[in-house]
Amino acid sequence: MHYHFFAYMARLKHIRRWNMRRNSFEEDVAQHSQQVAMIAYALAAYRNARFGGGANPDRAAALATFHEAPEVITGDIATPIKYFSPEIRASFGHIEELSAQKLQSLIPDDLQSALGPVLISPESDPEWRRVKAADTIAAYIHCIEEIKAGNSEFEKVATQILEKIHVKYDMPEVKAFLEECLPSYALTLEELY
């Protein structure tokens, strides 16, 4: 028997993000997921090193790796559409749930216990809040890169996303990442040396 889950995941590289905006460079869901996984891992590591522990960096990275998996079926739904009304958001939530269930059915039986929980109801995981914070930080980083490239299309959304980070993810590990790591994203390669 053949299992198609990982072949589906490989197709995340064909799904473009920010599809309602003019982009200086394209970002696909696979690139985004990899960046979110790194940031989620870092947030959990910050929590453990400086803020009382209790985080699981490996778990955060695993959840983040697959956090957009349903989009391989649904595509990336633009935020203004997805959150247009509570009814539309609920409908998309249901579609994402069905997509996750379909993907779970494509995983070998003996891997279900490892991969199923990262697809079905990952928000019940204690690391989920860090993953969502990392997801939002990654979106902000894309805005920084676009603005740096001279694309004013991202100026207002960057302000909105940064405000969301400060209000919704008021966590010490997020503040530390923003203060210590985020400024480097505005630098040139030469300035990073």
N, C-alpha and C. Protein backbone atom coordinates (compact mmCIF):
# COMPACT_ATOMS: atom_id res chain seq x y z
N MET A 1 0.83 -1.18 0.00
CA MET A 1 0.00 0.00 0.00
C MET A 1 0.88 1.25 0.00
N HIS A 2 0.42 2.28 -0.67
CA HIS A 2 1.14 3.54 -0.71
C HIS A 2 0.40 4.60 0.09
N TYR A 3 1.17 5.41 0.80
CA TYR A 3 0.60 6.47 1.62
C TYR A 3 1.04 7.82 1.04
N HIS A 4 0.10 8.68 0.80
CA HIS A 4 0.36 9.90 0.04
C HIS A 4 0.62 11.15 0.90
N PHE A 5 0.62 11.01 2.21
CA PHE A 5 0.73 12.17 3.08
C PHE A 5 1.95 13.04 2.76
N PHE A 6 3.12 12.46 2.70
CA PHE A 6 4.33 13.25 2.51
C PHE A 6 4.43 13.82 1.10
N ALA A 7 3.85 13.15 0.13
CA ALA A 7 3.79 13.72 -1.22
C ALA A 7 2.91 14.96 -1.23
N TYR A 8 1.82 14.90 -0.48
CA TYR A 8 0.98 16.10 -0.33
C TYR A 8 1.77 17.22 0.34
N MET A 9 2.47 16.90 1.42
CA MET A 9 3.21 17.94 2.14
C MET A 9 4.27 18.58 1.23
N ALA A 10 4.85 17.81 0.33
CA ALA A 10 5.85 18.36 -0.60
C ALA A 10 5.23 19.40 -1.52
N ARG A 11 3.92 19.35 -1.69
CA ARG A 11 3.23 20.30 -2.57
C ARG A 11 2.96 21.65 -1.90
N LEU A 12 3.28 21.77 -0.62
CA LEU A 12 3.11 23.06 0.04
C LEU A 12 3.96 24.14 -0.64
N LYS A 13 5.02 23.72 -1.31
CA LYS A 13 5.89 24.68 -1.99
C LYS A 13 5.20 25.32 -3.20
N HIS A 14 4.07 24.76 -3.63
CA HIS A 14 3.34 25.32 -4.77
C HIS A 14 2.23 26.29 -4.35
N ILE A 15 2.01 26.44 -3.06
CA ILE A 15 0.93 27.29 -2.57
C ILE A 15 1.52 28.63 -2.14
N ARG A 16 1.13 29.66 -2.82
CA ARG A 16 1.63 31.01 -2.55
C ARG A 16 0.88 31.67 -1.40
N ARG A 17 1.63 32.40 -0.61
CA ARG A 17 1.04 33.20 0.47
C ARG A 17 0.87 34.63 0.00
N TRP A 18 0.11 35.40 0.75
CA TRP A 18 -0.08 36.83 0.48
C TRP A 18 -0.67 37.05 -0.91
N ASN A 19 -1.61 36.19 -1.29
CA ASN A 19 -2.10 36.19 -2.67
C ASN A 19 -2.97 37.38 -3.06
N MET A 20 -3.34 38.24 -2.13
CA MET A 20 -4.10 39.43 -2.50
C MET A 20 -3.23 40.69 -2.50
N ARG A 21 -1.93 40.51 -2.31
CA ARG A 21 -1.02 41.66 -2.25
C ARG A 21 0.05 41.54 -3.33
N ARG A 22 0.48 42.71 -3.77
CA ARG A 22 1.63 42.74 -4.68
C ARG A 22 2.87 42.45 -3.84
N ASN A 23 3.62 41.46 -4.22
CA ASN A 23 4.81 41.04 -3.49
C ASN A 23 6.07 41.36 -4.27
N SER A 24 7.11 41.78 -3.60
CA SER A 24 8.42 41.95 -4.24
C SER A 24 9.04 40.58 -4.51
N PHE A 25 8.73 39.64 -3.65
CA PHE A 25 9.17 38.26 -3.85
C PHE A 25 8.09 37.35 -3.31
N GLU A 26 7.98 36.20 -3.92
CA GLU A 26 6.94 35.24 -3.52
C GLU A 26 7.39 34.45 -2.30
N GLU A 27 6.42 34.15 -1.46
CA GLU A 27 6.66 33.26 -0.32
C GLU A 27 5.66 32.12 -0.44
N ASP A 28 6.14 30.90 -0.34
CA ASP A 28 5.22 29.77 -0.40
C ASP A 28 5.00 29.21 1.00
N VAL A 29 4.03 28.34 1.13
CA VAL A 29 3.64 27.82 2.44
C VAL A 29 4.74 26.94 3.04
N ALA A 30 5.50 26.24 2.21
CA ALA A 30 6.60 25.42 2.73
C ALA A 30 7.68 26.31 3.36
N GLN A 31 8.04 27.39 2.68
CA GLN A 31 9.03 28.32 3.23
C GLN A 31 8.53 28.92 4.55
N HIS A 32 7.29 29.33 4.52
CA HIS A 32 6.69 29.92 5.72
C HIS A 32 6.70 28.93 6.88
N SER A 33 6.30 27.70 6.62
CA SER A 33 6.24 26.69 7.69
C SER A 33 7.61 26.42 8.29
N GLN A 34 8.63 26.41 7.45
CA GLN A 34 9.98 26.18 7.95
C GLN A 34 10.41 27.33 8.86
N GLN A 35 10.10 28.56 8.46
CA GLN A 35 10.46 29.71 9.28
C GLN A 35 9.68 29.70 10.60
N VAL A 36 8.40 29.37 10.54
CA VAL A 36 7.59 29.30 11.76
C VAL A 36 8.14 28.23 12.70
N ALA A 37 8.57 27.10 12.15
CA ALA A 37 9.14 26.03 12.98
C ALA A 37 10.39 26.51 13.72
N MET A 38 11.26 27.24 13.01
CA MET A 38 12.47 27.76 13.66
C MET A 38 12.13 28.75 14.76
N ILE A 39 11.19 29.64 14.48
CA ILE A 39 10.83 30.66 15.47
C ILE A 39 10.13 30.02 16.66
N ALA A 40 9.23 29.07 16.42
CA ALA A 40 8.53 28.39 17.52
C ALA A 40 9.53 27.66 18.41
N TYR A 41 10.50 27.01 17.79
CA TYR A 41 11.55 26.33 18.55
C TYR A 41 12.30 27.35 19.42
N ALA A 42 12.64 28.49 18.81
CA ALA A 42 13.38 29.53 19.54
C ALA A 42 12.55 30.09 20.70
N LEU A 43 11.25 30.31 20.47
CA LEU A 43 10.40 30.83 21.55
C LEU A 43 10.36 29.86 22.72
N ALA A 44 10.23 28.57 22.43
CA ALA A 44 10.22 27.57 23.50
C ALA A 44 11.57 27.51 24.20
N ALA A 45 12.65 27.65 23.45
CA ALA A 45 13.99 27.66 24.05
C ALA A 45 14.17 28.88 24.95
N TYR A 46 13.70 30.04 24.49
CA TYR A 46 13.73 31.24 25.34
C TYR A 46 12.98 30.98 26.64
N ARG A 47 11.79 30.40 26.53
CA ARG A 47 10.96 30.13 27.72
C ARG A 47 11.75 29.28 28.71
N ASN A 48 12.39 28.23 28.20
CA ASN A 48 13.13 27.33 29.09
C ASN A 48 14.38 27.97 29.68
N ALA A 49 15.08 28.74 28.89
CA ALA A 49 16.35 29.32 29.33
C ALA A 49 16.17 30.49 30.28
N ARG A 50 15.10 31.28 30.10
CA ARG A 50 15.00 32.53 30.84
C ARG A 50 13.73 32.74 31.64
N PHE A 51 12.67 32.02 31.30
CA PHE A 51 11.37 32.38 31.86
C PHE A 51 10.65 31.21 32.54
N GLY A 52 11.37 30.42 33.27
CA GLY A 52 10.74 29.42 34.11
C GLY A 52 10.54 28.05 33.52
N GLY A 53 10.93 27.87 32.29
CA GLY A 53 10.84 26.53 31.70
C GLY A 53 9.43 26.08 31.39
N GLY A 54 9.30 24.76 31.22
CA GLY A 54 8.01 24.15 30.95
C GLY A 54 7.65 24.05 29.48
N ALA A 55 8.51 24.54 28.60
CA ALA A 55 8.23 24.48 27.17
C ALA A 55 8.90 23.26 26.54
N ASN A 56 8.40 22.86 25.39
CA ASN A 56 8.94 21.72 24.66
C ASN A 56 9.31 22.19 23.26
N PRO A 57 10.57 22.62 23.05
CA PRO A 57 10.97 23.14 21.75
C PRO A 57 10.74 22.17 20.59
N ASP A 58 11.02 20.88 20.82
CA ASP A 58 10.82 19.90 19.75
C ASP A 58 9.35 19.81 19.36
N ARG A 59 8.49 19.81 20.34
CA ARG A 59 7.04 19.74 20.08
C ARG A 59 6.56 21.00 19.35
N ALA A 60 7.05 22.16 19.79
CA ALA A 60 6.68 23.41 19.14
C ALA A 60 7.10 23.39 17.67
N ALA A 61 8.30 22.92 17.40
CA ALA A 61 8.78 22.85 16.02
C ALA A 61 7.97 21.86 15.19
N ALA A 62 7.60 20.74 15.78
CA ALA A 62 6.79 19.75 15.05
C ALA A 62 5.41 20.31 14.70
N LEU A 63 4.77 20.93 15.68
CA LEU A 63 3.46 21.54 15.42
C LEU A 63 3.57 22.61 14.34
N ALA A 64 4.61 23.42 14.42
CA ALA A 64 4.78 24.50 13.46
C ALA A 64 5.06 23.96 12.05
N THR A 65 5.79 22.88 11.97
CA THR A 65 6.10 22.30 10.66
C THR A 65 4.82 21.95 9.90
N PHE A 66 3.82 21.46 10.63
CA PHE A 66 2.59 21.01 9.99
C PHE A 66 1.40 21.96 10.19
N HIS A 67 1.65 23.16 10.75
CA HIS A 67 0.53 24.03 11.11
C HIS A 67 -0.29 24.50 9.91
N GLU A 68 0.28 24.50 8.73
CA GLU A 68 -0.45 24.91 7.52
C GLU A 68 -0.79 23.72 6.63
N ALA A 69 -0.63 22.52 7.12
CA ALA A 69 -0.85 21.32 6.30
C ALA A 69 -2.20 21.33 5.58
N PRO A 70 -3.30 21.69 6.22
CA PRO A 70 -4.58 21.67 5.49
C PRO A 70 -4.60 22.56 4.24
N GLU A 71 -3.71 23.54 4.18
CA GLU A 71 -3.67 24.42 3.02
C GLU A 71 -3.24 23.71 1.75
N VAL A 72 -2.67 22.53 1.88
CA VAL A 72 -2.33 21.77 0.68
C VAL A 72 -3.60 21.35 -0.06
N ILE A 73 -4.71 21.32 0.66
CA ILE A 73 -6.02 21.02 0.07
C ILE A 73 -6.81 22.30 -0.17
N THR A 74 -6.81 23.21 0.81
CA THR A 74 -7.66 24.40 0.72
C THR A 74 -7.00 25.56 -0.01
N GLY A 75 -5.68 25.56 -0.09
CA GLY A 75 -4.96 26.73 -0.56
C GLY A 75 -4.86 27.73 0.58
N ASP A 76 -4.14 28.82 0.35
CA ASP A 76 -4.00 29.86 1.36
C ASP A 76 -5.15 30.84 1.20
N ILE A 77 -6.02 30.86 2.16
CA ILE A 77 -7.17 31.77 2.11
C ILE A 77 -6.72 33.12 2.67
N ALA A 78 -6.89 34.17 1.89
CA ALA A 78 -6.46 35.50 2.31
C ALA A 78 -7.20 35.93 3.58
N THR A 79 -6.48 36.55 4.50
CA THR A 79 -7.03 36.97 5.79
C THR A 79 -8.31 37.81 5.66
N PRO A 80 -8.37 38.79 4.75
CA PRO A 80 -9.61 39.58 4.67
C PRO A 80 -10.83 38.73 4.32
N ILE A 81 -10.62 37.67 3.59
CA ILE A 81 -11.74 36.78 3.24
C ILE A 81 -12.04 35.85 4.40
N LYS A 82 -11.01 35.23 4.94
CA LYS A 82 -11.17 34.24 6.00
C LYS A 82 -11.86 34.81 7.24
N TYR A 83 -11.59 36.06 7.53
CA TYR A 83 -12.15 36.68 8.74
C TYR A 83 -13.20 37.75 8.41
N PHE A 84 -13.80 37.66 7.24
CA PHE A 84 -14.80 38.64 6.81
C PHE A 84 -16.00 38.68 7.75
N SER A 85 -16.41 37.51 8.22
CA SER A 85 -17.54 37.42 9.16
C SER A 85 -17.36 36.19 10.01
N PRO A 86 -18.01 36.13 11.17
CA PRO A 86 -17.91 34.94 12.01
C PRO A 86 -18.41 33.68 11.28
N GLU A 87 -19.42 33.84 10.45
CA GLU A 87 -19.96 32.68 9.72
C GLU A 87 -18.94 32.14 8.71
N ILE A 88 -18.29 33.04 8.00
CA ILE A 88 -17.28 32.62 7.02
C ILE A 88 -16.10 31.98 7.76
N ARG A 89 -15.66 32.58 8.86
CA ARG A 89 -14.55 32.02 9.64
C ARG A 89 -14.91 30.62 10.14
N ALA A 90 -16.11 30.43 10.62
CA ALA A 90 -16.54 29.11 11.09
C ALA A 90 -16.57 28.11 9.95
N SER A 91 -17.04 28.54 8.79
CA SER A 91 -17.07 27.64 7.62
C SER A 91 -15.67 27.23 7.21
N PHE A 92 -14.75 28.20 7.14
CA PHE A 92 -13.38 27.86 6.80
C PHE A 92 -12.75 26.97 7.86
N GLY A 93 -13.08 27.21 9.12
CA GLY A 93 -12.58 26.34 10.19
C GLY A 93 -13.02 24.90 9.97
N HIS A 94 -14.27 24.73 9.57
CA HIS A 94 -14.79 23.38 9.30
C HIS A 94 -14.08 22.77 8.09
N ILE A 95 -13.87 23.55 7.05
CA ILE A 95 -13.15 23.05 5.87
C ILE A 95 -11.73 22.65 6.23
N GLU A 96 -11.07 23.45 7.04
CA GLU A 96 -9.70 23.11 7.47
C GLU A 96 -9.69 21.82 8.29
N GLU A 97 -10.69 21.66 9.12
CA GLU A 97 -10.82 20.43 9.93
C GLU A 97 -10.99 19.21 9.03
N LEU A 98 -11.87 19.31 8.04
CA LEU A 98 -12.08 18.20 7.09
C LEU A 98 -10.80 17.91 6.31
N SER A 99 -10.09 18.96 5.93
CA SER A 99 -8.83 18.78 5.20
C SER A 99 -7.80 18.06 6.07
N ALA A 100 -7.72 18.44 7.33
CA ALA A 100 -6.79 17.78 8.25
C ALA A 100 -7.15 16.30 8.42
N GLN A 101 -8.44 16.01 8.51
CA GLN A 101 -8.88 14.61 8.62
C GLN A 101 -8.51 13.82 7.37
N LYS A 102 -8.69 14.43 6.20
CA LYS A 102 -8.31 13.76 4.96
C LYS A 102 -6.82 13.46 4.95
N LEU A 103 -6.02 14.45 5.34
CA LEU A 103 -4.57 14.25 5.37
C LEU A 103 -4.19 13.16 6.37
N GLN A 104 -4.85 13.15 7.51
CA GLN A 104 -4.54 12.12 8.51
C GLN A 104 -4.81 10.73 7.94
N SER A 105 -5.81 10.60 7.11
CA SER A 105 -6.13 9.29 6.53
C SER A 105 -5.05 8.81 5.56
N LEU A 106 -4.13 9.69 5.18
CA LEU A 106 -3.06 9.35 4.24
C LEU A 106 -1.76 8.98 4.93
N ILE A 107 -1.80 8.90 6.26
CA ILE A 107 -0.62 8.56 7.06
C ILE A 107 -0.65 7.06 7.37
N PRO A 108 0.48 6.36 7.29
CA PRO A 108 0.50 4.95 7.68
C PRO A 108 -0.03 4.77 9.11
N ASP A 109 -0.72 3.67 9.34
CA ASP A 109 -1.36 3.41 10.64
C ASP A 109 -0.39 3.51 11.81
N ASP A 110 0.82 2.98 11.63
CA ASP A 110 1.75 2.96 12.75
C ASP A 110 2.40 4.32 13.01
N LEU A 111 2.13 5.31 12.17
CA LEU A 111 2.62 6.66 12.40
C LEU A 111 1.52 7.61 12.87
N GLN A 112 0.31 7.10 12.95
CA GLN A 112 -0.85 7.92 13.34
C GLN A 112 -0.65 8.59 14.69
N SER A 113 -0.12 7.85 15.66
CA SER A 113 0.00 8.43 17.01
C SER A 113 1.02 9.56 17.05
N ALA A 114 1.98 9.55 16.15
CA ALA A 114 2.98 10.62 16.11
C ALA A 114 2.52 11.81 15.29
N LEU A 115 1.90 11.55 14.14
CA LEU A 115 1.54 12.63 13.22
C LEU A 115 0.10 13.11 13.36
N GLY A 116 -0.80 12.24 13.77
CA GLY A 116 -2.20 12.64 13.89
C GLY A 116 -2.41 13.86 14.76
N PRO A 117 -1.81 13.92 15.95
CA PRO A 117 -2.04 15.08 16.84
C PRO A 117 -1.50 16.41 16.31
N VAL A 118 -0.57 16.38 15.37
CA VAL A 118 -0.11 17.66 14.81
C VAL A 118 -1.05 18.15 13.71
N LEU A 119 -1.96 17.29 13.28
CA LEU A 119 -2.93 17.66 12.25
C LEU A 119 -4.32 17.92 12.81
N ILE A 120 -4.77 17.05 13.70
CA ILE A 120 -6.13 17.13 14.24
C ILE A 120 -6.08 17.80 15.61
N SER A 121 -6.75 18.90 15.76
CA SER A 121 -6.84 19.67 17.01
C SER A 121 -5.48 20.02 17.63
N PRO A 122 -4.55 20.53 16.84
CA PRO A 122 -3.25 20.89 17.43
C PRO A 122 -3.37 22.02 18.45
N GLU A 123 -4.46 22.79 18.35
CA GLU A 123 -4.63 23.92 19.28
C GLU A 123 -4.82 23.47 20.72
N SER A 124 -5.08 22.18 20.93
CA SER A 124 -5.19 21.66 22.30
C SER A 124 -3.82 21.41 22.93
N ASP A 125 -2.78 21.47 22.11
CA ASP A 125 -1.42 21.23 22.60
C ASP A 125 -0.91 22.47 23.35
N PRO A 126 -0.22 22.26 24.48
CA PRO A 126 0.31 23.41 25.24
C PRO A 126 1.25 24.31 24.44
N GLU A 127 1.88 23.79 23.41
CA GLU A 127 2.82 24.59 22.61
C GLU A 127 2.12 25.40 21.53
N TRP A 128 0.83 25.19 21.33
CA TRP A 128 0.13 25.83 20.21
C TRP A 128 0.20 27.35 20.26
N ARG A 129 0.10 27.93 21.43
CA ARG A 129 0.14 29.40 21.54
C ARG A 129 1.48 29.94 21.05
N ARG A 130 2.57 29.23 21.35
CA ARG A 130 3.88 29.65 20.87
C ARG A 130 3.95 29.52 19.34
N VAL A 131 3.34 28.46 18.81
CA VAL A 131 3.32 28.27 17.35
C VAL A 131 2.56 29.42 16.69
N LYS A 132 1.42 29.78 17.25
CA LYS A 132 0.64 30.88 16.67
C LYS A 132 1.39 32.21 16.79
N ALA A 133 2.10 32.40 17.88
CA ALA A 133 2.94 33.60 18.02
C ALA A 133 4.03 33.59 16.95
N ALA A 134 4.67 32.45 16.76
CA ALA A 134 5.72 32.32 15.74
C ALA A 134 5.16 32.56 14.34
N ASP A 135 3.96 32.07 14.09
CA ASP A 135 3.28 32.26 12.81
C ASP A 135 3.08 33.75 12.54
N THR A 136 2.66 34.48 13.56
CA THR A 136 2.41 35.91 13.42
C THR A 136 3.73 36.67 13.27
N ILE A 137 4.74 36.26 14.01
CA ILE A 137 6.07 36.88 13.87
C ILE A 137 6.60 36.66 12.45
N ALA A 138 6.44 35.46 11.92
CA ALA A 138 6.90 35.17 10.56
C ALA A 138 6.18 36.05 9.54
N ALA A 139 4.90 36.30 9.75
CA ALA A 139 4.16 37.21 8.86
C ALA A 139 4.74 38.62 8.95
N TYR A 140 5.06 39.03 10.16
CA TYR A 140 5.65 40.36 10.34
C TYR A 140 7.03 40.44 9.66
N ILE A 141 7.80 39.38 9.75
CA ILE A 141 9.11 39.35 9.10
C ILE A 141 8.95 39.51 7.58
N HIS A 142 7.95 38.85 7.02
CA HIS A 142 7.71 39.01 5.58
C HIS A 142 7.41 40.49 5.27
N CYS A 143 6.63 41.12 6.11
CA CYS A 143 6.33 42.54 5.92
C CYS A 143 7.60 43.38 5.97
N ILE A 144 8.47 43.10 6.94
CA ILE A 144 9.74 43.83 7.05
C ILE A 144 10.54 43.69 5.76
N GLU A 145 10.61 42.46 5.25
CA GLU A 145 11.38 42.21 4.03
C GLU A 145 10.78 42.93 2.83
N GLU A 146 9.46 42.95 2.74
CA GLU A 146 8.79 43.64 1.65
C GLU A 146 9.02 45.16 1.74
N ILE A 147 8.89 45.72 2.93
CA ILE A 147 9.10 47.16 3.11
C ILE A 147 10.54 47.51 2.79
N LYS A 148 11.46 46.67 3.23
CA LYS A 148 12.88 46.87 2.96
C LYS A 148 13.15 46.89 1.44
N ALA A 149 12.36 46.12 0.70
CA ALA A 149 12.50 46.07 -0.76
C ALA A 149 11.77 47.23 -1.44
N GLY A 150 11.20 48.14 -0.64
CA GLY A 150 10.53 49.31 -1.19
C GLY A 150 9.06 49.12 -1.49
N ASN A 151 8.47 48.05 -0.98
CA ASN A 151 7.07 47.76 -1.25
C ASN A 151 6.19 48.34 -0.15
N SER A 152 5.59 49.49 -0.42
CA SER A 152 4.75 50.15 0.58
C SER A 152 3.43 49.42 0.81
N GLU A 153 3.10 48.44 -0.03
CA GLU A 153 1.88 47.64 0.11
C GLU A 153 1.80 46.99 1.49
N PHE A 154 2.94 46.78 2.14
CA PHE A 154 2.98 46.05 3.40
C PHE A 154 3.11 46.95 4.64
N GLU A 155 3.14 48.24 4.46
CA GLU A 155 3.36 49.13 5.61
C GLU A 155 2.23 49.07 6.63
N LYS A 156 1.01 49.21 6.18
CA LYS A 156 -0.13 49.21 7.10
C LYS A 156 -0.31 47.84 7.75
N VAL A 157 -0.21 46.79 6.96
CA VAL A 157 -0.39 45.45 7.53
C VAL A 157 0.72 45.13 8.53
N ALA A 158 1.92 45.65 8.28
CA ALA A 158 3.01 45.44 9.25
C ALA A 158 2.66 46.04 10.60
N THR A 159 2.11 47.24 10.58
CA THR A 159 1.70 47.89 11.82
C THR A 159 0.62 47.08 12.53
N GLN A 160 -0.35 46.59 11.77
CA GLN A 160 -1.44 45.80 12.35
C GLN A 160 -0.92 44.49 12.95
N ILE A 161 -0.01 43.84 12.23
CA ILE A 161 0.53 42.57 12.72
C ILE A 161 1.37 42.78 13.98
N LEU A 162 2.19 43.81 14.00
CA LEU A 162 3.01 44.08 15.19
C LEU A 162 2.12 44.37 16.39
N GLU A 163 1.06 45.11 16.19
CA GLU A 163 0.13 45.38 17.28
C GLU A 163 -0.51 44.08 17.77
N LYS A 164 -0.88 43.22 16.84
CA LYS A 164 -1.46 41.92 17.21
C LYS A 164 -0.47 41.11 18.05
N ILE A 165 0.80 41.13 17.65
CA ILE A 165 1.82 40.39 18.41
C ILE A 165 1.87 40.91 19.85
N HIS A 166 1.90 42.22 20.01
CA HIS A 166 2.01 42.80 21.35
C HIS A 166 0.77 42.56 22.21
N VAL A 167 -0.40 42.56 21.60
CA VAL A 167 -1.64 42.40 22.35
C VAL A 167 -1.97 40.93 22.59
N LYS A 168 -1.94 40.14 21.55
CA LYS A 168 -2.39 38.75 21.65
C LYS A 168 -1.32 37.80 22.19
N TYR A 169 -0.06 38.12 21.95
CA TYR A 169 1.03 37.23 22.36
C TYR A 169 1.96 37.94 23.32
N ASP A 170 1.39 38.48 24.38
CA ASP A 170 2.15 39.18 25.41
C ASP A 170 2.83 38.14 26.30
N MET A 171 3.92 37.59 25.78
CA MET A 171 4.65 36.53 26.45
C MET A 171 6.12 36.98 26.54
N PRO A 172 6.80 36.68 27.62
CA PRO A 172 8.18 37.15 27.74
C PRO A 172 9.11 36.61 26.66
N GLU A 173 8.87 35.37 26.23
CA GLU A 173 9.72 34.81 25.17
C GLU A 173 9.51 35.53 23.84
N VAL A 174 8.28 35.98 23.59
CA VAL A 174 8.00 36.74 22.37
C VAL A 174 8.70 38.09 22.45
N LYS A 175 8.59 38.75 23.59
CA LYS A 175 9.25 40.05 23.76
C LYS A 175 10.76 39.91 23.57
N ALA A 176 11.35 38.87 24.12
CA ALA A 176 12.79 38.66 23.99
C ALA A 176 13.18 38.45 22.53
N PHE A 177 12.41 37.63 21.81
CA PHE A 177 12.71 37.40 20.40
C PHE A 177 12.60 38.72 19.61
N LEU A 178 11.54 39.48 19.88
CA LEU A 178 11.35 40.74 19.16
C LEU A 178 12.50 41.71 19.43
N GLU A 179 12.95 41.77 20.66
CA GLU A 179 14.03 42.70 21.02
C GLU A 179 15.39 42.24 20.52
N GLU A 180 15.66 40.95 20.61
CA GLU A 180 17.02 40.46 20.34
C GLU A 180 17.24 39.94 18.93
N CYS A 181 16.20 39.44 18.30
CA CYS A 181 16.38 38.79 16.99
C CYS A 181 15.75 39.56 15.84
N LEU A 182 14.60 40.15 16.07
CA LEU A 182 13.86 40.80 14.99
C LEU A 182 14.62 41.92 14.28
N PRO A 183 15.37 42.78 14.98
CA PRO A 183 16.07 43.87 14.28
C PRO A 183 17.01 43.39 13.17
N SER A 184 17.54 42.21 13.29
CA SER A 184 18.48 41.70 12.29
C SER A 184 17.83 41.47 10.93
N TYR A 185 16.53 41.28 10.91
CA TYR A 185 15.84 41.05 9.63
C TYR A 185 15.84 42.28 8.74
N ALA A 186 16.08 43.44 9.29
CA ALA A 186 16.13 44.67 8.50
C ALA A 186 17.52 44.97 7.97
N LEU A 187 18.50 44.15 8.31
CA LEU A 187 19.88 44.39 7.92
C LEU A 187 20.19 43.77 6.56
N THR A 188 21.22 44.32 5.92
CA THR A 188 21.72 43.72 4.69
C THR A 188 22.65 42.56 5.05
N LEU A 189 23.01 41.77 4.07
CA LEU A 189 23.91 40.65 4.31
C LEU A 189 25.23 41.13 4.89
N GLU A 190 25.75 42.22 4.35
CA GLU A 190 27.02 42.77 4.83
C GLU A 190 26.91 43.22 6.29
N GLU A 191 25.76 43.76 6.66
CA GLU A 191 25.57 44.22 8.03
C GLU A 191 25.43 43.06 9.01
N LEU A 192 25.08 41.89 8.52
CA LEU A 192 24.96 40.72 9.39
C LEU A 192 26.32 40.13 9.76
N TYR A 193 27.37 40.44 9.00
CA TYR A 193 28.70 39.90 9.28
C TYR A 193 29.24 40.43 10.57
